[in-house]
Amino acid sequence: MKRLIYTSILIAALTVLTPVWVAAEDPDFDSILREIDDLANFSESDFSAVYTIISERPGEEREVTQARLFRRDLNDQFLILILQPDVQRGQGYLQVDENVWFYDPESRKFERTTIRENIQNSDAQNADLDQSSFSSDYTVQSWQEGTLGSFDVYVVDLEARSSDVAYDQVRLWIRQDQTIVLKEEDFSVNGRLMRTVLYPRYERVGSKIIPKQVLIVDELNDGERTQLTMTDATIQTIPDSVFSKAYLERVSN
């Protein structure tokens, strides 16, 4: 019951942005997915922001992690640097070419990881902070019209093109008057619901529109949820040296 009330409150708070796309009678979902990706991807500039990640589990104190994200989508590069809590400060995730690395300043070692790796002890994954790639990673299997809160939406079922993505099946609730995702359900290869993701608030950064607040509900463990909130977003140029192992080693000392 608490989850239902909490979800309803978030949906009611969904931010209304200026419409940039009007639904047609016969939607072109390939184009819609490309537009969703384009609105959230920074191919012509760098992007950085601070994310506060709050994880809640029944019977436990909530855990708060703060991280600085650096992204250079043109080269498929990102770096996540943990700022808080102090015990994890200096840890980081780095994508170089096709490889994703986790760095621990205590051991001073890099370990290979994946885009699907959870960030610290939360339900958020590296992929949640990376650029959007629905159009290239998935194909549309089916769709129907529906409503979510006060919005008319398209409910679209996607299937992965390969096993390189975090989830094999994804269901999206896309606003009909604007190409933004309000809700997402992620499924395993056998169709089991793994998590539900809500996007109650968006923010315009430069010419892009990206989620400012994200709520991730763990569907496998009752009562577990993670909230991400973005602040200090900027498209200022990031030094090339940031996207390197040497940078992580230097700032972690």
C-alpha atoms as a PDB file:
ATOM      1  CA  MET A   1       0.000   0.000   0.000  1.00  0.00           C
ATOM      2  CA  LYS A   2       2.838   2.389   0.885  1.00  0.00           C
ATOM      3  CA  ARG A   3       4.523   1.673  -2.452  1.00  0.00           C
ATOM      4  CA  LEU A   4       1.261   2.452  -4.308  1.00  0.00           C
ATOM      5  CA  ILE A   5       0.805   5.770  -2.481  1.00  0.00           C
ATOM      6  CA  TYR A   6       4.456   6.752  -3.008  1.00  0.00           C
ATOM      7  CA  THR A   7       4.255   5.927  -6.715  1.00  0.00           C
ATOM      8  CA  SER A   8       1.013   7.886  -7.127  1.00  0.00           C
ATOM      9  CA  ILE A   9       2.550  10.970  -5.529  1.00  0.00           C
ATOM     10  CA  LEU A  10       5.526  10.836  -7.875  1.00  0.00           C
ATOM     11  CA  ILE A  11       3.371  10.405 -10.962  1.00  0.00           C
ATOM     12  CA  ALA A  12       1.230  13.380  -9.894  1.00  0.00           C
ATOM     13  CA  ALA A  13       4.386  15.518  -9.714  1.00  0.00           C
ATOM     14  CA  LEU A  14       5.485  14.776 -13.289  1.00  0.00           C
ATOM     15  CA  THR A  15       6.919  17.969 -14.728  1.00  0.00           C
ATOM     16  CA  VAL A  16       5.146  19.445 -17.747  1.00  0.00           C
ATOM     17  CA  LEU A  17       7.566  20.606 -20.438  1.00  0.00           C
ATOM     18  CA  THR A  18       6.898  22.438 -23.688  1.00  0.00           C
ATOM     19  CA  PRO A  19       5.693  19.835 -26.227  1.00  0.00           C
ATOM     20  CA  VAL A  20       8.185  19.026 -28.963  1.00  0.00           C
ATOM     21  CA  TRP A  21       6.309  16.222 -30.741  1.00  0.00           C
ATOM     22  CA  VAL A  22       2.629  15.662 -31.494  1.00  0.00           C
ATOM     23  CA  ALA A  23       1.265  12.142 -31.782  1.00  0.00           C
ATOM     24  CA  ALA A  24       0.171  10.915 -35.186  1.00  0.00           C
ATOM     25  CA  GLU A  25      -2.570   8.388 -35.931  1.00  0.00           C
ATOM     26  CA  ASP A  26       0.000   5.805 -36.985  1.00  0.00           C
ATOM     27  CA  PRO A  27       3.025   6.347 -34.712  1.00  0.00           C
ATOM     28  CA  ASP A  28       6.511   5.751 -36.120  1.00  0.00           C
ATOM     29  CA  PHE A  29       8.065   4.205 -33.030  1.00  0.00           C
ATOM     30  CA  ASP A  30      11.488   3.811 -34.633  1.00  0.00           C
ATOM     31  CA  SER A  31      11.582   7.593 -35.038  1.00  0.00           C
ATOM     32  CA  ILE A  32      10.157   8.136 -31.552  1.00  0.00           C
ATOM     33  CA  LEU A  33      12.868   5.971 -29.958  1.00  0.00           C
ATOM     34  CA  ARG A  34      15.550   7.828 -31.919  1.00  0.00           C
ATOM     35  CA  GLU A  35      14.128  11.125 -30.694  1.00  0.00           C
ATOM     36  CA  ILE A  36      14.085   9.901 -27.080  1.00  0.00           C
ATOM     37  CA  ASP A  37      17.745   8.949 -27.438  1.00  0.00           C
ATOM     38  CA  ASP A  38      18.645  12.231 -29.116  1.00  0.00           C
ATOM     39  CA  LEU A  39      16.964  14.337 -26.421  1.00  0.00           C
ATOM     40  CA  ALA A  40      19.104  12.694 -23.732  1.00  0.00           C
ATOM     41  CA  ASN A  41      22.415  12.313 -25.597  1.00  0.00           C
ATOM     42  CA  PHE A  42      25.188  14.893 -25.737  1.00  0.00           C
ATOM     43  CA  SER A  43      26.906  14.234 -29.048  1.00  0.00           C
ATOM     44  CA  GLU A  44      27.931  17.854 -29.628  1.00  0.00           C
ATOM     45  CA  SER A  45      29.146  18.717 -26.127  1.00  0.00           C
ATOM     46  CA  ASP A  46      30.392  17.141 -22.930  1.00  0.00           C
ATOM     47  CA  PHE A  47      28.064  16.640 -19.974  1.00  0.00           C
ATOM     48  CA  SER A  48      28.658  16.467 -16.247  1.00  0.00           C
ATOM     49  CA  ALA A  49      26.439  16.524 -13.169  1.00  0.00           C
ATOM     50  CA  VAL A  50      26.271  15.483  -9.528  1.00  0.00           C
ATOM     51  CA  TYR A  51      23.891  12.653  -8.629  1.00  0.00           C
ATOM     52  CA  THR A  52      22.585  11.968  -5.137  1.00  0.00           C
ATOM     53  CA  ILE A  53      21.563   8.312  -4.819  1.00  0.00           C
ATOM     54  CA  ILE A  54      19.352   7.356  -1.874  1.00  0.00           C
ATOM     55  CA  SER A  55      18.779   3.635  -1.273  1.00  0.00           C
ATOM     56  CA  GLU A  56      16.066   2.353   1.052  1.00  0.00           C
ATOM     57  CA  ARG A  57      15.628  -1.176   2.403  1.00  0.00           C
ATOM     58  CA  PRO A  58      13.101  -2.371   4.987  1.00  0.00           C
ATOM     59  CA  GLY A  59      14.533  -2.428   8.499  1.00  0.00           C
ATOM     60  CA  GLU A  60      17.745  -0.625   7.502  1.00  0.00           C
ATOM     61  CA  GLU A  61      18.918   2.963   7.587  1.00  0.00           C
ATOM     62  CA  ARG A  62      18.820   4.569   4.193  1.00  0.00           C
ATOM     63  CA  GLU A  63      22.138   4.822   2.371  1.00  0.00           C
ATOM     64  CA  VAL A  64      23.138   8.062   0.651  1.00  0.00           C
ATOM     65  CA  THR A  65      25.759   8.106  -2.096  1.00  0.00           C
ATOM     66  CA  GLN A  66      26.867  11.200  -3.976  1.00  0.00           C
ATOM     67  CA  ALA A  67      28.721  10.876  -7.270  1.00  0.00           C
ATOM     68  CA  ARG A  68      30.032  13.167  -9.990  1.00  0.00           C
ATOM     69  CA  LEU A  69      29.317  11.973 -13.530  1.00  0.00           C
ATOM     70  CA  PHE A  70      31.413  12.964 -16.547  1.00  0.00           C
ATOM     71  CA  ARG A  71      30.177  11.979 -20.026  1.00  0.00           C
ATOM     72  CA  ARG A  72      31.561  12.392 -23.516  1.00  0.00           C
ATOM     73  CA  ASP A  73      28.938  10.698 -25.667  1.00  0.00           C
ATOM     74  CA  LEU A  74      30.782  11.414 -28.918  1.00  0.00           C
ATOM     75  CA  ASN A  75      33.459   8.895 -27.879  1.00  0.00           C
ATOM     76  CA  ASP A  76      31.228   6.656 -25.709  1.00  0.00           C
ATOM     77  CA  GLN A  77      33.209   7.651 -22.607  1.00  0.00           C
ATOM     78  CA  PHE A  78      32.037   8.157 -19.058  1.00  0.00           C
ATOM     79  CA  LEU A  79      33.511   8.399 -15.588  1.00  0.00           C
ATOM     80  CA  ILE A  80      31.639   8.176 -12.286  1.00  0.00           C
ATOM     81  CA  LEU A  81      33.556   9.437  -9.247  1.00  0.00           C
ATOM     82  CA  ILE A  82      32.158   8.662  -5.784  1.00  0.00           C
ATOM     83  CA  LEU A  83      32.182  11.741  -3.521  1.00  0.00           C
ATOM     84  CA  GLN A  84      30.241  10.447  -0.513  1.00  0.00           C
ATOM     85  CA  PRO A  85      30.147   8.587   1.850  1.00  0.00           C
ATOM     86  CA  ASP A  86      33.700   9.119   3.072  1.00  0.00           C
ATOM     87  CA  VAL A  87      34.385   5.379   3.334  1.00  0.00           C
ATOM     88  CA  GLN A  88      33.822   5.039  -0.444  1.00  0.00           C
ATOM     89  CA  ARG A  89      35.164   8.407  -1.516  1.00  0.00           C
ATOM     90  CA  GLY A  90      37.491   8.120  -4.496  1.00  0.00           C
ATOM     91  CA  GLN A  91      36.003   4.923  -5.866  1.00  0.00           C
ATOM     92  CA  GLY A  92      35.009   5.204  -9.491  1.00  0.00           C
ATOM     93  CA  TYR A  93      33.755   3.653 -12.703  1.00  0.00           C
ATOM     94  CA  LEU A  94      35.436   4.372 -16.028  1.00  0.00           C
ATOM     95  CA  GLN A  95      34.462   3.407 -19.553  1.00  0.00           C
ATOM     96  CA  VAL A  96      37.327   3.303 -22.045  1.00  0.00           C
ATOM     97  CA  ASP A  97      36.547   1.976 -25.519  1.00  0.00           C
ATOM     98  CA  GLU A  98      34.501  -1.193 -24.925  1.00  0.00           C
ATOM     99  CA  ASN A  99      35.767  -1.727 -21.369  1.00  0.00           C
ATOM    100  CA  VAL A 100      34.250  -0.606 -18.065  1.00  0.00           C
ATOM    101  CA  TRP A 101      36.534  -0.501 -15.025  1.00  0.00           C
ATOM    102  CA  PHE A 102      35.894  -0.123 -11.296  1.00  0.00           C
ATOM    103  CA  TYR A 103      38.652   1.530  -9.257  1.00  0.00           C
ATOM    104  CA  ASP A 104      39.147   1.074  -5.506  1.00  0.00           C
ATOM    105  CA  PRO A 105      41.647   3.556  -4.010  1.00  0.00           C
ATOM    106  CA  GLU A 106      42.174   1.336  -0.964  1.00  0.00           C
ATOM    107  CA  SER A 107      43.621  -1.513  -3.021  1.00  0.00           C
ATOM    108  CA  ARG A 108      44.724   0.845  -5.835  1.00  0.00           C
ATOM    109  CA  LYS A 109      43.496  -1.714  -8.330  1.00  0.00           C
ATOM    110  CA  PHE A 110      41.203  -1.599 -11.353  1.00  0.00           C
ATOM    111  CA  GLU A 111      38.733  -4.423 -11.851  1.00  0.00           C
ATOM    112  CA  ARG A 112      36.830  -5.048 -15.054  1.00  0.00           C
ATOM    113  CA  THR A 113      33.075  -4.619 -14.664  1.00  0.00           C
ATOM    114  CA  THR A 114      30.080  -3.975 -16.952  1.00  0.00           C
ATOM    115  CA  ILE A 115      27.563  -1.292 -17.813  1.00  0.00           C
ATOM    116  CA  ARG A 116      25.052  -3.422 -15.898  1.00  0.00           C
ATOM    117  CA  GLU A 117      26.973  -3.188 -12.618  1.00  0.00           C
ATOM    118  CA  ASN A 118      25.038  -1.605  -9.748  1.00  0.00           C
ATOM    119  CA  ILE A 119      26.438   1.656  -8.392  1.00  0.00           C
ATOM    120  CA  GLN A 120      27.606   0.941  -4.853  1.00  0.00           C
ATOM    121  CA  ASN A 121      24.834  -0.780  -2.890  1.00  0.00           C
ATOM    122  CA  SER A 122      21.922   0.718  -4.824  1.00  0.00           C
ATOM    123  CA  ASP A 123      19.487  -0.440  -7.504  1.00  0.00           C
ATOM    124  CA  ALA A 124      20.935   2.137  -9.925  1.00  0.00           C
ATOM    125  CA  GLN A 125      23.253   0.818 -12.619  1.00  0.00           C
ATOM    126  CA  ASN A 126      26.038   2.412 -14.626  1.00  0.00           C
ATOM    127  CA  ALA A 127      23.696   2.211 -17.614  1.00  0.00           C
ATOM    128  CA  ASP A 128      21.196   4.501 -15.841  1.00  0.00           C
ATOM    129  CA  LEU A 129      23.703   7.369 -16.018  1.00  0.00           C
ATOM    130  CA  ASP A 130      25.032   6.576 -19.489  1.00  0.00           C
ATOM    131  CA  GLN A 131      23.603   7.841 -22.786  1.00  0.00           C
ATOM    132  CA  SER A 132      20.249   6.510 -23.973  1.00  0.00           C
ATOM    133  CA  SER A 133      20.304   3.829 -26.667  1.00  0.00           C
ATOM    134  CA  PHE A 134      16.783   2.423 -27.011  1.00  0.00           C
ATOM    135  CA  SER A 135      16.725   2.829 -30.804  1.00  0.00           C
ATOM    136  CA  SER A 136      19.931   0.873 -31.397  1.00  0.00           C
ATOM    137  CA  ASP A 137      19.571  -1.743 -28.643  1.00  0.00           C
ATOM    138  CA  TYR A 138      15.903  -2.704 -28.987  1.00  0.00           C
ATOM    139  CA  THR A 139      13.163  -3.446 -31.508  1.00  0.00           C
ATOM    140  CA  VAL A 140       9.472  -2.668 -31.002  1.00  0.00           C
ATOM    141  CA  GLN A 141       7.355  -5.797 -30.472  1.00  0.00           C
ATOM    142  CA  SER A 142       3.953  -4.286 -29.671  1.00  0.00           C
ATOM    143  CA  TRP A 143       2.255  -1.130 -28.454  1.00  0.00           C
ATOM    144  CA  GLN A 144      -1.049   0.227 -27.175  1.00  0.00           C
ATOM    145  CA  GLU A 145      -2.493   3.535 -26.049  1.00  0.00           C
ATOM    146  CA  GLY A 146      -3.043   4.223 -22.364  1.00  0.00           C
ATOM    147  CA  THR A 147      -2.879   6.832 -19.603  1.00  0.00           C
ATOM    148  CA  LEU A 148      -0.442   7.447 -16.768  1.00  0.00           C
ATOM    149  CA  GLY A 149      -1.514  10.015 -14.221  1.00  0.00           C
ATOM    150  CA  SER A 150      -3.032  12.848 -16.286  1.00  0.00           C
ATOM    151  CA  PHE A 151      -1.031  12.029 -19.431  1.00  0.00           C
ATOM    152  CA  ASP A 152      -2.020  10.114 -22.544  1.00  0.00           C
ATOM    153  CA  VAL A 153       0.784   7.679 -23.304  1.00  0.00           C
ATOM    154  CA  TYR A 154       1.939   4.964 -25.639  1.00  0.00           C
ATOM    155  CA  VAL A 155       2.806   1.733 -23.828  1.00  0.00           C
ATOM    156  CA  VAL A 156       5.540   0.160 -25.946  1.00  0.00           C
ATOM    157  CA  ASP A 157       7.096  -3.292 -25.518  1.00  0.00           C
ATOM    158  CA  LEU A 158      10.719  -3.628 -26.645  1.00  0.00           C
ATOM    159  CA  GLU A 159      12.941  -6.651 -27.160  1.00  0.00           C
ATOM    160  CA  ALA A 160      16.735  -6.564 -27.061  1.00  0.00           C
ATOM    161  CA  ARG A 161      18.694  -6.996 -30.287  1.00  0.00           C
ATOM    162  CA  SER A 162      21.571  -8.681 -28.416  1.00  0.00           C
ATOM    163  CA  SER A 163      22.649  -9.824 -24.946  1.00  0.00           C
ATOM    164  CA  ASP A 164      24.875  -6.773 -24.426  1.00  0.00           C
ATOM    165  CA  VAL A 165      22.121  -4.729 -22.763  1.00  0.00           C
ATOM    166  CA  ALA A 166      21.083  -4.640 -19.124  1.00  0.00           C
ATOM    167  CA  TYR A 167      17.596  -6.086 -19.715  1.00  0.00           C
ATOM    168  CA  ASP A 168      16.247  -8.381 -22.417  1.00  0.00           C
ATOM    169  CA  GLN A 169      12.766  -6.872 -22.459  1.00  0.00           C
ATOM    170  CA  VAL A 170      11.650  -3.331 -21.665  1.00  0.00           C
ATOM    171  CA  ARG A 171       8.216  -1.701 -21.491  1.00  0.00           C
ATOM    172  CA  LEU A 172       8.051   2.088 -21.864  1.00  0.00           C
ATOM    173  CA  TRP A 173       5.275   4.582 -21.102  1.00  0.00           C
ATOM    174  CA  ILE A 174       5.913   7.451 -23.547  1.00  0.00           C
ATOM    175  CA  ARG A 175       3.962  10.704 -23.488  1.00  0.00           C
ATOM    176  CA  GLN A 176       1.886  11.170 -26.618  1.00  0.00           C
ATOM    177  CA  ASP A 177       2.367  14.947 -26.727  1.00  0.00           C
ATOM    178  CA  GLN A 178       6.126  14.843 -26.103  1.00  0.00           C
ATOM    179  CA  THR A 179       8.902  12.341 -26.577  1.00  0.00           C
ATOM    180  CA  ILE A 180       9.837  11.653 -22.981  1.00  0.00           C
ATOM    181  CA  VAL A 181       9.561   8.435 -20.974  1.00  0.00           C
ATOM    182  CA  LEU A 182       7.431   8.626 -17.829  1.00  0.00           C
ATOM    183  CA  LYS A 183       7.744   5.022 -16.700  1.00  0.00           C
ATOM    184  CA  GLU A 184       9.819   1.960 -17.552  1.00  0.00           C
ATOM    185  CA  GLU A 185       9.581  -1.715 -16.631  1.00  0.00           C
ATOM    186  CA  ASP A 186      12.622  -3.942 -17.084  1.00  0.00           C
ATOM    187  CA  PHE A 187      12.297  -7.706 -17.560  1.00  0.00           C
ATOM    188  CA  SER A 188      14.634 -10.694 -17.623  1.00  0.00           C
ATOM    189  CA  VAL A 189      14.944 -12.999 -20.633  1.00  0.00           C
ATOM    190  CA  ASN A 190      12.180 -15.248 -19.238  1.00  0.00           C
ATOM    191  CA  GLY A 191       9.807 -12.309 -18.783  1.00  0.00           C
ATOM    192  CA  ARG A 192      10.210 -11.769 -15.037  1.00  0.00           C
ATOM    193  CA  LEU A 193       9.751  -8.163 -13.918  1.00  0.00           C
ATOM    194  CA  MET A 194      13.038  -7.070 -12.366  1.00  0.00           C
ATOM    195  CA  ARG A 195      12.451  -3.394 -11.622  1.00  0.00           C
ATOM    196  CA  THR A 196      10.138  -0.452 -12.258  1.00  0.00           C
ATOM    197  CA  VAL A 197      11.575   2.980 -13.045  1.00  0.00           C
ATOM    198  CA  LEU A 198       9.653   6.256 -12.747  1.00  0.00           C
ATOM    199  CA  TYR A 199      10.761   9.589 -14.208  1.00  0.00           C
ATOM    200  CA  PRO A 200       8.750  12.262 -12.341  1.00  0.00           C
ATOM    201  CA  ARG A 201      10.948  15.268 -13.194  1.00  0.00           C
ATOM    202  CA  TYR A 202      12.952  16.349 -16.224  1.00  0.00           C
ATOM    203  CA  GLU A 203      15.359  19.245 -16.725  1.00  0.00           C
ATOM    204  CA  ARG A 204      16.519  21.051 -19.834  1.00  0.00           C
ATOM    205  CA  VAL A 205      20.328  21.136 -20.088  1.00  0.00           C
ATOM    206  CA  GLY A 206      21.450  23.089 -23.123  1.00  0.00           C
ATOM    207  CA  SER A 207      19.271  21.807 -25.958  1.00  0.00           C
ATOM    208  CA  LYS A 208      18.671  18.463 -24.254  1.00  0.00           C
ATOM    209  CA  ILE A 209      15.998  17.187 -21.861  1.00  0.00           C
ATOM    210  CA  ILE A 210      17.131  14.636 -19.284  1.00  0.00           C
ATOM    211  CA  PRO A 211      15.661  13.152 -16.093  1.00  0.00           C
ATOM    212  CA  LYS A 212      16.317  15.254 -13.001  1.00  0.00           C
ATOM    213  CA  GLN A 213      14.733  12.725 -10.654  1.00  0.00           C
ATOM    214  CA  VAL A 214      14.440   8.961 -11.062  1.00  0.00           C
ATOM    215  CA  LEU A 215      12.793   6.413  -8.757  1.00  0.00           C
ATOM    216  CA  ILE A 216      13.832   2.767  -9.161  1.00  0.00           C
ATOM    217  CA  VAL A 217      11.682   0.118  -7.451  1.00  0.00           C
ATOM    218  CA  ASP A 218      13.257  -3.310  -6.956  1.00  0.00           C
ATOM    219  CA  GLU A 219      10.547  -5.801  -7.919  1.00  0.00           C
ATOM    220  CA  LEU A 220      12.483  -8.802  -6.595  1.00  0.00           C
ATOM    221  CA  ASN A 221      12.942  -7.503  -3.049  1.00  0.00           C
ATOM    222  CA  ASP A 222       9.815  -6.009  -1.528  1.00  0.00           C
ATOM    223  CA  GLY A 223      10.259  -2.507  -0.140  1.00  0.00           C
ATOM    224  CA  GLU A 224      13.638  -1.805  -1.740  1.00  0.00           C
ATOM    225  CA  ARG A 225      13.902   1.365  -3.820  1.00  0.00           C
ATOM    226  CA  THR A 226      16.499   3.839  -4.997  1.00  0.00           C
ATOM    227  CA  GLN A 227      16.028   7.507  -5.821  1.00  0.00           C
ATOM    228  CA  LEU A 228      18.447   9.477  -8.023  1.00  0.00           C
ATOM    229  CA  THR A 229      18.438  13.276  -8.077  1.00  0.00           C
ATOM    230  CA  MET A 230      20.567  15.302 -10.484  1.00  0.00           C
ATOM    231  CA  THR A 231      22.099  18.696  -9.632  1.00  0.00           C
ATOM    232  CA  ASP A 232      24.830  20.984 -11.015  1.00  0.00           C
ATOM    233  CA  ALA A 233      24.308  19.822 -14.595  1.00  0.00           C
ATOM    234  CA  THR A 234      26.573  21.504 -17.152  1.00  0.00           C
ATOM    235  CA  ILE A 235      27.718  21.110 -20.758  1.00  0.00           C
ATOM    236  CA  GLN A 236      31.100  22.752 -20.238  1.00  0.00           C
ATOM    237  CA  THR A 237      34.046  21.084 -21.931  1.00  0.00           C
ATOM    238  CA  ILE A 238      35.740  18.384 -19.844  1.00  0.00           C
ATOM    239  CA  PRO A 239      39.545  17.975 -20.052  1.00  0.00           C
ATOM    240  CA  ASP A 240      40.609  14.883 -22.005  1.00  0.00           C
ATOM    241  CA  SER A 241      42.628  13.710 -19.016  1.00  0.00           C
ATOM    242  CA  VAL A 242      39.462  13.087 -16.978  1.00  0.00           C
ATOM    243  CA  PHE A 243      38.584  10.011 -19.033  1.00  0.00           C
ATOM    244  CA  SER A 244      41.590   7.994 -17.904  1.00  0.00           C
ATOM    245  CA  LYS A 245      42.749   5.609 -15.221  1.00  0.00           C
ATOM    246  CA  ALA A 246      45.430   8.133 -14.263  1.00  0.00           C
ATOM    247  CA  TYR A 247      42.753  10.693 -13.377  1.00  0.00           C
ATOM    248  CA  LEU A 248      40.966   8.296 -11.036  1.00  0.00           C
ATOM    249  CA  GLU A 249      44.240   7.400  -9.358  1.00  0.00           C
ATOM    250  CA  ARG A 250      45.208  11.050  -8.946  1.00  0.00           C
ATOM    251  CA  VAL A 251      41.916  12.397  -7.531  1.00  0.00           C
ATOM    252  CA  SER A 252      41.570   9.425  -5.178  1.00  0.00           C
ATOM    253  CA  ASN A 253      44.851  10.076  -3.364  1.00  0.00           C
END
